[in-house]
mmCIF file of all heavy atoms, coordinates in Angstrom:
data_MODEL
# 
_entry.id   MODEL 
# 
loop_
_atom_site.group_PDB 
_atom_site.id 
_atom_site.type_symbol 
_atom_site.label_atom_id 
_atom_site.label_alt_id 
_atom_site.label_comp_id 
_atom_site.label_asym_id 
_atom_site.label_entity_id 
_atom_site.label_seq_id 
_atom_site.pdbx_PDB_ins_code 
_atom_site.Cartn_x 
_atom_site.Cartn_y 
_atom_site.Cartn_z 
_atom_site.occupancy 
_atom_site.B_iso_or_equiv 
_atom_site.pdbx_formal_charge 
_atom_site.auth_seq_id 
_atom_site.auth_comp_id 
_atom_site.auth_asym_id 
_atom_site.auth_atom_id 
_atom_site.pdbx_PDB_model_num 
ATOM 1   N N   . LEU A 1 1  ? 0.802   -1.211 -0.017 1.00 0.00 ? 1  LEU A N   1 
ATOM 2   C CA  . LEU A 1 1  ? 0.010   -0.003 0.001  1.00 0.00 ? 1  LEU A CA  1 
ATOM 3   C C   . LEU A 1 1  ? 0.857   1.244  -0.014 1.00 0.00 ? 1  LEU A C   1 
ATOM 4   O O   . LEU A 1 1  ? 1.944   1.275  0.579  1.00 0.00 ? 1  LEU A O   1 
ATOM 5   C CB  . LEU A 1 1  ? -0.917  0.025  1.231  1.00 0.00 ? 1  LEU A CB  1 
ATOM 6   C CG  . LEU A 1 1  ? -1.940  -1.107 1.339  1.00 0.00 ? 1  LEU A CG  1 
ATOM 7   C CD1 . LEU A 1 1  ? -2.740  -0.939 2.624  1.00 0.00 ? 1  LEU A CD1 1 
ATOM 8   C CD2 . LEU A 1 1  ? -2.884  -1.112 0.135  1.00 0.00 ? 1  LEU A CD2 1 
ATOM 9   N N   . ASP A 1 2  ? 0.376   2.320  -0.633 1.00 0.00 ? 2  ASP A N   1 
ATOM 10  C CA  . ASP A 1 2  ? 1.107   3.599  -0.592 1.00 0.00 ? 2  ASP A CA  1 
ATOM 11  C C   . ASP A 1 2  ? 0.838   4.258  0.753  1.00 0.00 ? 2  ASP A C   1 
ATOM 12  O O   . ASP A 1 2  ? -0.038  3.865  1.547  1.00 0.00 ? 2  ASP A O   1 
ATOM 13  C CB  . ASP A 1 2  ? 0.745   4.509  -1.754 1.00 0.00 ? 2  ASP A CB  1 
ATOM 14  C CG  . ASP A 1 2  ? -0.701  4.954  -1.748 1.00 0.00 ? 2  ASP A CG  1 
ATOM 15  O OD1 . ASP A 1 2  ? -1.248  5.273  -0.656 1.00 0.00 ? 2  ASP A OD1 1 
ATOM 16  O OD2 . ASP A 1 2  ? -1.329  4.939  -2.843 1.00 0.00 ? 2  ASP A OD2 1 
ATOM 17  N N   . GLU A 1 3  ? 1.624   5.289  1.064  1.00 0.00 ? 3  GLU A N   1 
ATOM 18  C CA  . GLU A 1 3  ? 1.585   5.877  2.405  1.00 0.00 ? 3  GLU A CA  1 
ATOM 19  C C   . GLU A 1 3  ? 0.255   6.511  2.724  1.00 0.00 ? 3  GLU A C   1 
ATOM 20  O O   . GLU A 1 3  ? -0.194  6.455  3.877  1.00 0.00 ? 3  GLU A O   1 
ATOM 21  C CB  . GLU A 1 3  ? 2.707   6.950  2.508  1.00 0.00 ? 3  GLU A CB  1 
ATOM 22  C CG  . GLU A 1 3  ? 4.098   6.334  2.622  1.00 0.00 ? 3  GLU A CG  1 
ATOM 23  C CD  . GLU A 1 3  ? 4.217   5.312  3.770  1.00 0.00 ? 3  GLU A CD  1 
ATOM 24  O OE1 . GLU A 1 3  ? 3.796   5.638  4.903  1.00 0.00 ? 3  GLU A OE1 1 
ATOM 25  O OE2 . GLU A 1 3  ? 4.654   4.210  3.520  1.00 0.00 ? 3  GLU A OE2 1 
ATOM 26  N N   . GLU A 1 4  ? -0.399  7.166  1.769  1.00 0.00 ? 4  GLU A N   1 
ATOM 27  C CA  . GLU A 1 4  ? -1.698  7.795  2.066  1.00 0.00 ? 4  GLU A CA  1 
ATOM 28  C C   . GLU A 1 4  ? -2.722  6.735  2.477  1.00 0.00 ? 4  GLU A C   1 
ATOM 29  O O   . GLU A 1 4  ? -3.491  6.906  3.447  1.00 0.00 ? 4  GLU A O   1 
ATOM 30  C CB  . GLU A 1 4  ? -2.254  8.570  0.858  1.00 0.00 ? 4  GLU A CB  1 
ATOM 31  C CG  . GLU A 1 4  ? -3.551  9.272  1.182  1.00 0.00 ? 4  GLU A CG  1 
ATOM 32  C CD  . GLU A 1 4  ? -4.220  9.929  -0.024 1.00 0.00 ? 4  GLU A CD  1 
ATOM 33  O OE1 . GLU A 1 4  ? -3.622  9.943  -1.119 1.00 0.00 ? 4  GLU A OE1 1 
ATOM 34  O OE2 . GLU A 1 4  ? -5.348  10.399 0.157  1.00 0.00 ? 4  GLU A OE2 1 
ATOM 35  N N   . VAL A 1 5  ? -2.751  5.637  1.767  1.00 0.00 ? 5  VAL A N   1 
ATOM 36  C CA  . VAL A 1 5  ? -3.715  4.546  2.120  1.00 0.00 ? 5  VAL A CA  1 
ATOM 37  C C   . VAL A 1 5  ? -3.348  3.963  3.490  1.00 0.00 ? 5  VAL A C   1 
ATOM 38  O O   . VAL A 1 5  ? -4.239  3.647  4.276  1.00 0.00 ? 5  VAL A O   1 
ATOM 39  C CB  . VAL A 1 5  ? -3.704  3.486  1.023  1.00 0.00 ? 5  VAL A CB  1 
ATOM 40  C CG1 . VAL A 1 5  ? -4.630  2.311  1.414  1.00 0.00 ? 5  VAL A CG1 1 
ATOM 41  C CG2 . VAL A 1 5  ? -4.167  4.072  -0.288 1.00 0.00 ? 5  VAL A CG2 1 
ATOM 42  N N   . LYS A 1 6  ? -2.063  3.804  3.760  1.00 0.00 ? 6  LYS A N   1 
ATOM 43  C CA  . LYS A 1 6  ? -1.622  3.250  5.072  1.00 0.00 ? 6  LYS A CA  1 
ATOM 44  C C   . LYS A 1 6  ? -2.154  4.155  6.213  1.00 0.00 ? 6  LYS A C   1 
ATOM 45  O O   . LYS A 1 6  ? -2.636  3.671  7.207  1.00 0.00 ? 6  LYS A O   1 
ATOM 46  C CB  . LYS A 1 6  ? -0.122  3.134  5.130  1.00 0.00 ? 6  LYS A CB  1 
ATOM 47  C CG  . LYS A 1 6  ? 0.421   1.942  4.391  1.00 0.00 ? 6  LYS A CG  1 
ATOM 48  C CD  . LYS A 1 6  ? 1.922   1.858  4.590  1.00 0.00 ? 6  LYS A CD  1 
ATOM 49  C CE  . LYS A 1 6  ? 2.488   0.611  3.887  1.00 0.00 ? 6  LYS A CE  1 
ATOM 50  N NZ  . LYS A 1 6  ? 3.962   0.475  4.053  1.00 0.00 ? 6  LYS A NZ  1 
ATOM 51  N N   . VAL A 1 7  ? -2.046  5.436  6.009  1.00 0.00 ? 7  VAL A N   1 
ATOM 52  C CA  . VAL A 1 7  ? -2.517  6.369  7.071  1.00 0.00 ? 7  VAL A CA  1 
ATOM 53  C C   . VAL A 1 7  ? -4.013  6.235  7.264  1.00 0.00 ? 7  VAL A C   1 
ATOM 54  O O   . VAL A 1 7  ? -4.501  6.186  8.401  1.00 0.00 ? 7  VAL A O   1 
ATOM 55  C CB  . VAL A 1 7  ? -2.117  7.816  6.702  1.00 0.00 ? 7  VAL A CB  1 
ATOM 56  C CG1 . VAL A 1 7  ? -2.846  8.823  7.634  1.00 0.00 ? 7  VAL A CG1 1 
ATOM 57  C CG2 . VAL A 1 7  ? -0.618  8.012  6.794  1.00 0.00 ? 7  VAL A CG2 1 
ATOM 58  N N   . ARG A 1 8  ? -4.723  6.147  6.180  1.00 0.00 ? 8  ARG A N   1 
ATOM 59  C CA  . ARG A 1 8  ? -6.215  6.041  6.300  1.00 0.00 ? 8  ARG A CA  1 
ATOM 60  C C   . ARG A 1 8  ? -6.584  4.701  6.981  1.00 0.00 ? 8  ARG A C   1 
ATOM 61  O O   . ARG A 1 8  ? -7.508  4.687  7.788  1.00 0.00 ? 8  ARG A O   1 
ATOM 62  C CB  . ARG A 1 8  ? -6.830  6.088  4.888  1.00 0.00 ? 8  ARG A CB  1 
ATOM 63  C CG  . ARG A 1 8  ? -6.697  7.440  4.211  1.00 0.00 ? 8  ARG A CG  1 
ATOM 64  C CD  . ARG A 1 8  ? -7.187  7.398  2.794  1.00 0.00 ? 8  ARG A CD  1 
ATOM 65  N NE  . ARG A 1 8  ? -8.610  7.313  2.725  1.00 0.00 ? 8  ARG A NE  1 
ATOM 66  C CZ  . ARG A 1 8  ? -9.476  8.348  2.839  1.00 0.00 ? 8  ARG A CZ  1 
ATOM 67  N NH1 . ARG A 1 8  ? -9.032  9.576  3.038  1.00 0.00 ? 8  ARG A NH1 1 
ATOM 68  N NH2 . ARG A 1 8  ? -10.787 8.173  2.767  1.00 0.00 ? 8  ARG A NH2 1 
ATOM 69  N N   . VAL A 1 9  ? -5.888  3.618  6.656  1.00 0.00 ? 9  VAL A N   1 
ATOM 70  C CA  . VAL A 1 9  ? -6.168  2.343  7.284  1.00 0.00 ? 9  VAL A CA  1 
ATOM 71  C C   . VAL A 1 9  ? -5.816  2.396  8.758  1.00 0.00 ? 9  VAL A C   1 
ATOM 72  O O   . VAL A 1 9  ? -6.579  1.903  9.600  1.00 0.00 ? 9  VAL A O   1 
ATOM 73  C CB  . VAL A 1 9  ? -5.382  1.200  6.572  1.00 0.00 ? 9  VAL A CB  1 
ATOM 74  C CG1 . VAL A 1 9  ? -5.393  -0.079 7.391  1.00 0.00 ? 9  VAL A CG1 1 
ATOM 75  C CG2 . VAL A 1 9  ? -5.964  0.994  5.180  1.00 0.00 ? 9  VAL A CG2 1 
ATOM 76  N N   . LEU A 1 10 ? -4.675  2.990  9.098  1.00 0.00 ? 10 LEU A N   1 
ATOM 77  C CA  . LEU A 1 10 ? -4.312  3.080  10.492 1.00 0.00 ? 10 LEU A CA  1 
ATOM 78  C C   . LEU A 1 10 ? -5.290  3.934  11.313 1.00 0.00 ? 10 LEU A C   1 
ATOM 79  O O   . LEU A 1 10 ? -5.557  3.628  12.438 1.00 0.00 ? 10 LEU A O   1 
ATOM 80  C CB  . LEU A 1 10 ? -2.877  3.669  10.658 1.00 0.00 ? 10 LEU A CB  1 
ATOM 81  C CG  . LEU A 1 10 ? -1.712  2.728  10.364 1.00 0.00 ? 10 LEU A CG  1 
ATOM 82  C CD1 . LEU A 1 10 ? -0.379  3.419  10.622 1.00 0.00 ? 10 LEU A CD1 1 
ATOM 83  C CD2 . LEU A 1 10 ? -1.823  1.445  11.251 1.00 0.00 ? 10 LEU A CD2 1 
ATOM 84  N N   . ARG A 1 11 ? -5.751  5.009  10.701 1.00 0.00 ? 11 ARG A N   1 
ATOM 85  C CA  . ARG A 1 11 ? -6.758  5.828  11.389 1.00 0.00 ? 11 ARG A CA  1 
ATOM 86  C C   . ARG A 1 11 ? -8.005  4.990  11.721 1.00 0.00 ? 11 ARG A C   1 
ATOM 87  O O   . ARG A 1 11 ? -8.509  5.014  12.831 1.00 0.00 ? 11 ARG A O   1 
ATOM 88  C CB  . ARG A 1 11 ? -7.155  7.036  10.544 1.00 0.00 ? 11 ARG A CB  1 
ATOM 89  C CG  . ARG A 1 11 ? -8.214  7.910  11.204 1.00 0.00 ? 11 ARG A CG  1 
ATOM 90  C CD  . ARG A 1 11 ? -8.739  9.005  10.312 1.00 0.00 ? 11 ARG A CD  1 
ATOM 91  N NE  . ARG A 1 11 ? -7.670  9.960  9.978  1.00 0.00 ? 11 ARG A NE  1 
ATOM 92  C CZ  . ARG A 1 11 ? -7.158  10.133 8.754  1.00 0.00 ? 11 ARG A CZ  1 
ATOM 93  N NH1 . ARG A 1 11 ? -7.650  9.388  7.748  1.00 0.00 ? 11 ARG A NH1 1 
ATOM 94  N NH2 . ARG A 1 11 ? -6.220  10.980 8.531  1.00 0.00 ? 11 ARG A NH2 1 
ATOM 95  N N   . LEU A 1 12 ? -8.470  4.262  10.748 1.00 0.00 ? 12 LEU A N   1 
ATOM 96  C CA  . LEU A 1 12 ? -9.655  3.420  10.949 1.00 0.00 ? 12 LEU A CA  1 
ATOM 97  C C   . LEU A 1 12 ? -9.416  2.379  12.013 1.00 0.00 ? 12 LEU A C   1 
ATOM 98  O O   . LEU A 1 12 ? -10.223 2.166  12.938 1.00 0.00 ? 12 LEU A O   1 
ATOM 99  C CB  . LEU A 1 12 ? -10.052 2.752  9.609  1.00 0.00 ? 12 LEU A CB  1 
ATOM 100 C CG  . LEU A 1 12 ? -11.422 2.101  9.500  1.00 0.00 ? 12 LEU A CG  1 
ATOM 101 C CD1 . LEU A 1 12 ? -12.521 3.071  9.825  1.00 0.00 ? 12 LEU A CD1 1 
ATOM 102 C CD2 . LEU A 1 12 ? -11.597 1.534  8.124  1.00 0.00 ? 12 LEU A CD2 1 
ATOM 103 N N   . CYS A 1 13 ? -8.236  1.744  11.938 1.00 0.00 ? 13 CYS A N   1 
ATOM 104 C CA  . CYS A 1 13 ? -7.924  0.685  12.918 1.00 0.00 ? 13 CYS A CA  1 
ATOM 105 C C   . CYS A 1 13 ? -7.792  1.289  14.321 1.00 0.00 ? 13 CYS A C   1 
ATOM 106 O O   . CYS A 1 13 ? -8.284  0.669  15.316 1.00 0.00 ? 13 CYS A O   1 
ATOM 107 C CB  . CYS A 1 13 ? -6.654  -0.059 12.513 1.00 0.00 ? 13 CYS A CB  1 
ATOM 108 S SG  . CYS A 1 13 ? -6.398  -1.555 13.464 1.00 0.00 ? 13 CYS A SG  1 
ATOM 109 N N   . ALA A 1 14 ? -7.132  2.436  14.459 1.00 0.00 ? 14 ALA A N   1 
ATOM 110 C CA  . ALA A 1 14 ? -6.939  3.049  15.781 1.00 0.00 ? 14 ALA A CA  1 
ATOM 111 C C   . ALA A 1 14 ? -8.264  3.409  16.395 1.00 0.00 ? 14 ALA A C   1 
ATOM 112 O O   . ALA A 1 14 ? -8.487  3.154  17.623 1.00 0.00 ? 14 ALA A O   1 
ATOM 113 C CB  . ALA A 1 14 ? -6.089  4.296  15.600 1.00 0.00 ? 14 ALA A CB  1 
ATOM 114 N N   . LEU A 1 15 ? -9.200  3.933  15.609 1.00 0.00 ? 15 LEU A N   1 
ATOM 115 C CA  . LEU A 1 15 ? -10.506 4.287  16.151 1.00 0.00 ? 15 LEU A CA  1 
ATOM 116 C C   . LEU A 1 15 ? -11.209 3.066  16.699 1.00 0.00 ? 15 LEU A C   1 
ATOM 117 O O   . LEU A 1 15 ? -11.911 3.127  17.727 1.00 0.00 ? 15 LEU A O   1 
ATOM 118 C CB  . LEU A 1 15 ? -11.370 4.971  15.094 1.00 0.00 ? 15 LEU A CB  1 
ATOM 119 C CG  . LEU A 1 15 ? -10.872 6.368  14.620 1.00 0.00 ? 15 LEU A CG  1 
ATOM 120 C CD1 . LEU A 1 15 ? -11.724 6.847  13.441 1.00 0.00 ? 15 LEU A CD1 1 
ATOM 121 C CD2 . LEU A 1 15 ? -10.938 7.348  15.755 1.00 0.00 ? 15 LEU A CD2 1 
ATOM 122 N N   . PHE A 1 16 ? -11.023 1.939  16.015 1.00 0.00 ? 16 PHE A N   1 
ATOM 123 C CA  . PHE A 1 16 ? -11.757 0.740  16.414 1.00 0.00 ? 16 PHE A CA  1 
ATOM 124 C C   . PHE A 1 16 ? -11.105 0.072  17.634 1.00 0.00 ? 16 PHE A C   1 
ATOM 125 O O   . PHE A 1 16 ? -11.811 -0.326 18.566 1.00 0.00 ? 16 PHE A O   1 
ATOM 126 C CB  . PHE A 1 16 ? -11.874 -0.243 15.269 1.00 0.00 ? 16 PHE A CB  1 
ATOM 127 C CG  . PHE A 1 16 ? -13.028 0.057  14.406 1.00 0.00 ? 16 PHE A CG  1 
ATOM 128 C CD1 . PHE A 1 16 ? -12.874 0.662  13.185 1.00 0.00 ? 16 PHE A CD1 1 
ATOM 129 C CD2 . PHE A 1 16 ? -14.327 -0.208 14.838 1.00 0.00 ? 16 PHE A CD2 1 
ATOM 130 C CE1 . PHE A 1 16 ? -13.937 1.022  12.387 1.00 0.00 ? 16 PHE A CE1 1 
ATOM 131 C CE2 . PHE A 1 16 ? -15.425 0.130  14.042 1.00 0.00 ? 16 PHE A CE2 1 
ATOM 132 C CZ  . PHE A 1 16 ? -15.225 0.747  12.833 1.00 0.00 ? 16 PHE A CZ  1 
ATOM 133 N N   . VAL A 1 17 ? -9.790  -0.091 17.630 1.00 0.00 ? 17 VAL A N   1 
ATOM 134 C CA  . VAL A 1 17 ? -9.190  -0.788 18.755 1.00 0.00 ? 17 VAL A CA  1 
ATOM 135 C C   . VAL A 1 17 ? -9.369  0.033  20.050 1.00 0.00 ? 17 VAL A C   1 
ATOM 136 O O   . VAL A 1 17 ? -9.614  -0.523 21.129 1.00 0.00 ? 17 VAL A O   1 
ATOM 137 C CB  . VAL A 1 17 ? -7.705  -1.145 18.474 1.00 0.00 ? 17 VAL A CB  1 
ATOM 138 C CG1 . VAL A 1 17 ? -6.834  0.076  18.465 1.00 0.00 ? 17 VAL A CG1 1 
ATOM 139 C CG2 . VAL A 1 17 ? -7.206  -2.159 19.515 1.00 0.00 ? 17 VAL A CG2 1 
ATOM 140 N N   . ALA A 1 18 ? -9.277  1.338  19.944 1.00 0.00 ? 18 ALA A N   1 
ATOM 141 C CA  . ALA A 1 18 ? -9.522  2.186  21.129 1.00 0.00 ? 18 ALA A CA  1 
ATOM 142 C C   . ALA A 1 18 ? -10.959 2.096  21.577 1.00 0.00 ? 18 ALA A C   1 
ATOM 143 O O   . ALA A 1 18 ? -11.238 2.000  22.774 1.00 0.00 ? 18 ALA A O   1 
ATOM 144 C CB  . ALA A 1 18 ? -9.162  3.651  20.788 1.00 0.00 ? 18 ALA A CB  1 
ATOM 145 N N   . GLY A 1 19 ? -11.885 2.073  20.635 1.00 0.00 ? 19 GLY A N   1 
ATOM 146 C CA  . GLY A 1 19 ? -13.299 1.973  20.990 1.00 0.00 ? 19 GLY A CA  1 
ATOM 147 C C   . GLY A 1 19 ? -13.605 0.639  21.638 1.00 0.00 ? 19 GLY A C   1 
ATOM 148 O O   . GLY A 1 19 ? -14.331 0.573  22.619 1.00 0.00 ? 19 GLY A O   1 
ATOM 149 N N   . GLU A 1 20 ? -13.029 -0.421 21.128 1.00 0.00 ? 20 GLU A N   1 
ATOM 150 C CA  . GLU A 1 20 ? -13.259 -1.732 21.728 1.00 0.00 ? 20 GLU A CA  1 
ATOM 151 C C   . GLU A 1 20 ? -12.700 -1.819 23.144 1.00 0.00 ? 20 GLU A C   1 
ATOM 152 O O   . GLU A 1 20 ? -13.285 -2.415 24.032 1.00 0.00 ? 20 GLU A O   1 
ATOM 153 C CB  . GLU A 1 20 ? -12.646 -2.863 20.882 1.00 0.00 ? 20 GLU A CB  1 
ATOM 154 C CG  . GLU A 1 20 ? -13.253 -2.982 19.466 1.00 0.00 ? 20 GLU A CG  1 
ATOM 155 C CD  . GLU A 1 20 ? -14.682 -3.518 19.460 1.00 0.00 ? 20 GLU A CD  1 
ATOM 156 O OE1 . GLU A 1 20 ? -15.222 -3.820 20.536 1.00 0.00 ? 20 GLU A OE1 1 
ATOM 157 O OE2 . GLU A 1 20 ? -15.233 -3.674 18.349 1.00 0.00 ? 20 GLU A OE2 1 
ATOM 158 N N   . GLU A 1 21 ? -11.538 -1.187 23.360 1.00 0.00 ? 21 GLU A N   1 
ATOM 159 C CA  . GLU A 1 21 ? -10.963 -1.160 24.696 1.00 0.00 ? 21 GLU A CA  1 
ATOM 160 C C   . GLU A 1 21 ? -11.884 -0.379 25.651 1.00 0.00 ? 21 GLU A C   1 
ATOM 161 O O   . GLU A 1 21 ? -12.112 -0.779 26.783 1.00 0.00 ? 21 GLU A O   1 
ATOM 162 C CB  . GLU A 1 21 ? -9.588  -0.484 24.646 1.00 0.00 ? 21 GLU A CB  1 
ATOM 163 C CG  . GLU A 1 21 ? -8.920  -0.428 26.014 1.00 0.00 ? 21 GLU A CG  1 
ATOM 164 C CD  . GLU A 1 21 ? -7.532  0.196  25.948 1.00 0.00 ? 21 GLU A CD  1 
ATOM 165 O OE1 . GLU A 1 21 ? -6.854  0.090  24.924 1.00 0.00 ? 21 GLU A OE1 1 
ATOM 166 O OE2 . GLU A 1 21 ? -7.109  0.775  26.968 1.00 0.00 ? 21 GLU A OE2 1 
ATOM 167 N N   . ALA A 1 22 ? -12.408 0.766  25.177 1.00 0.00 ? 22 ALA A N   1 
ATOM 168 C CA  . ALA A 1 22 ? -13.280 1.625  26.000 1.00 0.00 ? 22 ALA A CA  1 
ATOM 169 C C   . ALA A 1 22 ? -14.533 0.853  26.434 1.00 0.00 ? 22 ALA A C   1 
ATOM 170 O O   . ALA A 1 22 ? -14.920 0.866  27.606 1.00 0.00 ? 22 ALA A O   1 
ATOM 171 C CB  . ALA A 1 22 ? -13.624 2.897  25.282 1.00 0.00 ? 22 ALA A CB  1 
ATOM 172 N N   . VAL A 1 23 ? -15.194 0.189  25.473 1.00 0.00 ? 23 VAL A N   1 
ATOM 173 C CA  . VAL A 1 23 ? -16.414 -0.491 25.829 1.00 0.00 ? 23 VAL A CA  1 
ATOM 174 C C   . VAL A 1 23 ? -16.131 -1.711 26.706 1.00 0.00 ? 23 VAL A C   1 
ATOM 175 O O   . VAL A 1 23 ? -17.003 -2.074 27.527 1.00 0.00 ? 23 VAL A O   1 
ATOM 176 C CB  . VAL A 1 23 ? -17.251 -0.862 24.566 1.00 0.00 ? 23 VAL A CB  1 
ATOM 177 C CG1 . VAL A 1 23 ? -17.726 0.396  23.863 1.00 0.00 ? 23 VAL A CG1 1 
ATOM 178 C CG2 . VAL A 1 23 ? -16.481 -1.736 23.615 1.00 0.00 ? 23 VAL A CG2 1 
ATOM 179 N N   . THR A 1 24 ? -14.993 -2.345 26.569 1.00 0.00 ? 24 THR A N   1 
ATOM 180 C CA  . THR A 1 24 ? -14.634 -3.423 27.479 1.00 0.00 ? 24 THR A CA  1 
ATOM 181 C C   . THR A 1 24 ? -14.515 -2.920 28.911 1.00 0.00 ? 24 THR A C   1 
ATOM 182 O O   . THR A 1 24 ? -15.039 -3.551 29.830 1.00 0.00 ? 24 THR A O   1 
ATOM 183 C CB  . THR A 1 24 ? -13.274 -4.043 27.051 1.00 0.00 ? 24 THR A CB  1 
ATOM 184 O OG1 . THR A 1 24 ? -13.368 -4.532 25.724 1.00 0.00 ? 24 THR A OG1 1 
ATOM 185 C CG2 . THR A 1 24 ? -12.895 -5.183 27.982 1.00 0.00 ? 24 THR A CG2 1 
# 
């Protein structure tokens, strides 16, 4: 993946893993 796509994927993943931790 190019860098712009990597950033977008990481943003999406970060929002989810943090959210899952919060609800846990």
